[in-house]
Amino acid sequence: MFDAVSFNSLFFSQLIILAAAHFLAVASPGPDLAVVVKQSIRYGKRNAIITSIGIGSAILVHVAYSAVGIGLLIKNSPLLFDILKYACAAYLAFIGYKSLRVKASEPEQFNQQVRADEQSGRKAFSLGFITNVLNPKATLFFLSIFSVVVSHDTPSLWLGTYAIYLSLATMTWFCFVSLVLSKAAVRNKFLTMGHYFDWVMGVVLIGLAIKVAFSSL
């Protein structure tokens, strides 16, 4: 009985460490946050939350390859890591480029454009999922934390628990951000800036793309 308790306590302590490290990582600025901010302001609460769910779902991919050892292959292969980071950089640059292409207009005209520019739930989910899956920052986090904290003999049940917790915690955080930024008072204030907001977000996303492109293992 004591051994079973000690055994479970070990993995519970791993979960606590993962949770603490994950909170610091997910709350720090990066591609995921930039995308959620853009979604919250331009498309509102519904699409921002769907994008947040996409980001959280992508966490399961990171946990899966870290758990089965593919993460070690990525860590030990500069070529694979370069492919990942350049794909992410290209994707972020593309989103940023689209934002920079928004035409100048008066605030009311811009608001009309936003209302007319509908985005499907599938596109909102895919945006969050792809952004996180290709995010080298997330890759480096999971490679590092799983190699240091999670032992090789961790049971599948506990690995599944880690995956579900990290996924749900990510969704919860970005849904919270979405709810705050999509509040009418906050969103309307940004929308009065019209196309300037999109231009700023375009520059931010392209800046993140450049930062990602020059990141290293």
Protein backbone atom coordinates (compact mmCIF):
# COMPACT_ATOMS: atom_id res chain seq x y z
CA MET A 1 0.00 0.00 0.00
CA PHE A 2 2.81 2.38 0.91
CA ASP A 3 4.61 1.63 -2.33
CA ALA A 4 1.47 2.35 -4.36
CA VAL A 5 0.97 5.67 -2.55
CA SER A 6 4.61 6.64 -3.05
CA PHE A 7 4.40 5.61 -6.70
CA ASN A 8 1.36 7.83 -7.35
CA SER A 9 2.85 10.68 -5.29
CA LEU A 10 5.86 10.71 -7.60
CA PHE A 11 3.74 11.23 -10.69
CA PHE A 12 1.47 13.71 -8.94
CA SER A 13 4.56 15.76 -8.10
CA GLN A 14 5.53 15.59 -11.79
CA LEU A 15 2.09 16.98 -12.66
CA ILE A 16 2.54 19.87 -10.20
CA ILE A 17 5.91 20.77 -11.73
CA LEU A 18 4.47 20.52 -15.25
CA ALA A 19 1.53 22.72 -14.26
CA ALA A 20 3.77 25.43 -12.79
CA ALA A 21 6.17 25.44 -15.74
CA HIS A 22 3.28 25.38 -18.21
CA PHE A 23 1.59 28.39 -16.61
CA LEU A 24 4.74 30.49 -16.95
CA ALA A 25 5.17 29.38 -20.57
CA VAL A 26 1.57 29.84 -21.70
CA ALA A 27 1.23 33.28 -20.09
CA SER A 28 4.34 34.65 -21.81
CA PRO A 29 3.98 36.59 -25.10
CA GLY A 30 4.28 34.56 -28.29
CA PRO A 31 2.54 33.53 -31.51
CA ASP A 32 -0.43 31.95 -29.71
CA LEU A 33 -1.18 35.10 -27.73
CA ALA A 34 -0.78 37.33 -30.79
CA VAL A 35 -3.26 35.22 -32.76
CA VAL A 36 -5.81 35.20 -29.92
CA VAL A 37 -5.54 38.98 -29.54
CA LYS A 38 -6.13 39.44 -33.27
CA GLN A 39 -9.08 37.04 -33.27
CA SER A 40 -10.66 38.65 -30.20
CA ILE A 41 -10.59 42.14 -31.64
CA ARG A 42 -11.38 41.43 -35.28
CA TYR A 43 -13.86 38.56 -35.01
CA GLY A 44 -15.09 38.68 -31.42
CA LYS A 45 -15.63 36.24 -28.59
CA ARG A 46 -16.95 33.20 -30.49
CA ASN A 47 -14.10 32.88 -32.97
CA ALA A 48 -11.45 33.79 -30.40
CA ILE A 49 -12.67 31.00 -28.13
CA ILE A 50 -12.72 28.51 -31.02
CA THR A 51 -9.15 29.54 -31.86
CA SER A 52 -8.22 29.04 -28.19
CA ILE A 53 -9.68 25.53 -28.31
CA GLY A 54 -7.58 24.88 -31.41
CA ILE A 55 -4.45 26.00 -29.56
CA GLY A 56 -5.29 23.79 -26.59
CA SER A 57 -5.99 20.79 -28.83
CA ALA A 58 -2.57 21.17 -30.46
CA ILE A 59 -0.98 20.63 -27.04
CA LEU A 60 -2.00 16.97 -27.33
CA VAL A 61 0.25 16.68 -30.39
CA HIS A 62 3.26 18.04 -28.48
CA VAL A 63 2.64 15.71 -25.53
CA ALA A 64 2.19 12.72 -27.87
CA TYR A 65 5.48 13.09 -29.73
CA SER A 66 7.34 13.93 -26.52
CA ALA A 67 5.93 10.83 -24.82
CA VAL A 68 6.71 8.37 -27.63
CA GLY A 69 10.23 9.65 -28.18
CA ILE A 70 9.78 11.48 -31.47
CA GLY A 71 10.67 14.60 -29.53
CA LEU A 72 14.20 13.26 -29.09
CA LEU A 73 14.44 12.83 -32.86
CA ILE A 74 13.45 16.46 -33.38
CA LYS A 75 15.84 17.59 -30.64
CA ASN A 76 18.74 15.68 -32.17
CA SER A 77 17.98 16.63 -35.77
CA PRO A 78 18.71 20.28 -36.60
CA LEU A 79 17.17 19.72 -40.04
CA LEU A 80 13.78 18.64 -38.65
CA PHE A 81 13.78 21.52 -36.19
CA ASP A 82 14.65 23.97 -38.98
CA ILE A 83 11.78 22.66 -41.11
CA LEU A 84 9.41 23.15 -38.19
CA LYS A 85 10.54 26.66 -37.33
CA TYR A 86 10.61 27.88 -40.95
CA ALA A 87 7.12 26.48 -41.50
CA CYS A 88 5.92 28.37 -38.43
CA ALA A 89 7.73 31.55 -39.50
CA ALA A 90 6.18 31.35 -42.97
CA TYR A 91 2.70 30.80 -41.52
CA LEU A 92 2.99 33.75 -39.12
CA ALA A 93 4.43 35.95 -41.87
CA PHE A 94 1.49 35.03 -44.12
CA ILE A 95 -1.05 35.99 -41.43
CA GLY A 96 0.86 39.22 -40.80
CA TYR A 97 1.00 40.01 -44.53
CA LYS A 98 -2.78 39.58 -44.79
CA SER A 99 -3.21 42.04 -41.91
CA LEU A 100 -0.95 44.60 -43.56
CA ARG A 101 -3.04 44.38 -46.73
CA VAL A 102 -6.13 45.74 -44.99
CA LYS A 103 -7.01 48.96 -46.80
CA ALA A 104 -7.18 52.30 -45.03
CA SER A 105 -10.72 53.36 -44.20
CA GLU A 106 -12.75 55.40 -41.76
CA PRO A 107 -13.60 53.68 -38.45
CA GLU A 108 -17.24 53.07 -39.44
CA GLN A 109 -16.24 51.69 -42.82
CA PHE A 110 -13.71 49.42 -41.12
CA ASN A 111 -16.39 48.19 -38.68
CA GLN A 112 -18.61 47.36 -41.63
CA GLN A 113 -15.75 45.45 -43.26
CA VAL A 114 -15.22 43.47 -40.05
CA ARG A 115 -18.92 42.57 -39.85
CA ALA A 116 -18.87 41.50 -43.50
CA ASP A 117 -15.61 39.55 -43.18
CA GLU A 118 -17.03 36.35 -41.73
CA GLN A 119 -14.70 33.59 -40.54
CA SER A 120 -15.94 30.02 -40.20
CA GLY A 121 -15.47 28.04 -37.02
CA ARG A 122 -13.26 25.60 -38.93
CA LYS A 123 -10.92 28.39 -40.02
CA ALA A 124 -10.81 29.81 -36.49
CA PHE A 125 -9.95 26.36 -35.04
CA SER A 126 -7.36 25.64 -37.75
CA LEU A 127 -5.67 28.98 -37.14
CA GLY A 128 -5.13 28.18 -33.47
CA PHE A 129 -4.21 24.53 -34.04
CA ILE A 130 -1.67 25.16 -36.80
CA THR A 131 -0.12 28.15 -35.01
CA ASN A 132 0.56 26.08 -31.89
CA VAL A 133 1.60 22.84 -33.63
CA LEU A 134 4.22 24.73 -35.66
CA ASN A 135 5.29 26.93 -32.75
CA PRO A 136 8.97 26.14 -31.96
CA LYS A 137 8.51 27.77 -28.56
CA ALA A 138 5.97 25.09 -27.66
CA THR A 139 8.19 22.38 -29.15
CA LEU A 140 11.20 23.49 -27.11
CA PHE A 141 9.09 23.71 -23.95
CA PHE A 142 7.77 20.16 -24.22
CA LEU A 143 11.10 18.70 -25.29
CA SER A 144 12.80 20.33 -22.30
CA ILE A 145 10.16 19.68 -19.66
CA PHE A 146 9.54 16.05 -20.67
CA SER A 147 13.25 15.24 -20.78
CA VAL A 148 13.84 16.76 -17.33
CA VAL A 149 10.62 16.17 -15.37
CA VAL A 150 8.85 13.16 -16.88
CA SER A 151 10.53 9.81 -16.31
CA HIS A 152 10.69 7.06 -18.94
CA ASP A 153 8.66 4.68 -16.76
CA THR A 154 5.70 7.05 -16.37
CA PRO A 155 2.52 4.96 -16.90
CA SER A 156 0.26 5.70 -19.86
CA LEU A 157 -2.54 6.67 -17.47
CA TRP A 158 -0.43 9.46 -15.99
CA LEU A 159 0.84 10.57 -19.40
CA GLY A 160 -2.79 10.84 -20.48
CA THR A 161 -3.55 12.85 -17.35
CA TYR A 162 -0.67 15.22 -18.13
CA ALA A 163 -1.88 15.63 -21.71
CA ILE A 164 -5.49 16.35 -20.76
CA TYR A 165 -4.51 18.79 -18.02
CA LEU A 166 -2.05 20.74 -20.20
CA SER A 167 -4.55 20.88 -23.07
CA LEU A 168 -7.44 22.06 -20.89
CA ALA A 169 -5.24 24.54 -19.00
CA THR A 170 -4.10 26.06 -22.30
CA MET A 171 -7.68 26.32 -23.56
CA THR A 172 -8.81 27.89 -20.27
CA TRP A 173 -6.07 30.53 -20.31
CA PHE A 174 -6.64 31.65 -23.87
CA CYS A 175 -10.44 31.52 -23.49
CA PHE A 176 -10.01 33.85 -20.52
CA VAL A 177 -7.88 36.19 -22.65
CA SER A 178 -10.53 35.99 -25.37
CA LEU A 179 -13.34 36.90 -22.97
CA VAL A 180 -11.43 39.89 -21.61
CA LEU A 181 -10.39 41.30 -24.99
CA SER A 182 -13.72 40.67 -26.70
CA LYS A 183 -15.71 42.64 -24.13
CA ALA A 184 -17.67 45.33 -25.95
CA ALA A 185 -15.86 48.23 -24.28
CA VAL A 186 -12.40 46.81 -24.98
CA ARG A 187 -13.14 45.56 -28.49
CA ASN A 188 -14.91 48.74 -29.60
CA LYS A 189 -11.97 50.82 -28.42
CA PHE A 190 -9.62 48.83 -30.64
CA LEU A 191 -12.05 48.83 -33.54
CA THR A 192 -12.21 52.62 -33.51
CA MET A 193 -8.57 52.45 -34.52
CA GLY A 194 -9.83 50.73 -37.67
CA HIS A 195 -7.17 49.46 -40.03
CA TYR A 196 -4.38 50.72 -37.76
CA PHE A 197 -4.99 47.80 -35.39
CA ASP A 198 -4.63 45.30 -38.23
CA TRP A 199 -1.47 47.02 -39.43
CA VAL A 200 0.05 46.90 -35.93
CA MET A 201 -0.87 43.22 -35.54
CA GLY A 202 0.62 42.57 -38.99
CA VAL A 203 3.93 44.09 -37.91
CA VAL A 204 3.82 42.10 -34.63
CA LEU A 205 3.16 38.81 -36.42
CA ILE A 206 5.89 39.40 -38.99
CA GLY A 207 8.25 40.35 -36.14
CA LEU A 208 7.39 37.07 -34.40
CA ALA A 209 7.98 35.24 -37.69
CA ILE A 210 11.48 36.71 -37.91
CA LYS A 211 12.15 35.83 -34.27
CA VAL A 212 10.99 32.26 -34.83
CA ALA A 213 13.11 31.94 -38.00
CA PHE A 214 16.24 32.79 -36.03
CA SER A 215 15.44 30.62 -33.00
CA SER A 216 17.68 27.67 -32.26
CA LEU A 217 17.71 24.47 -30.21
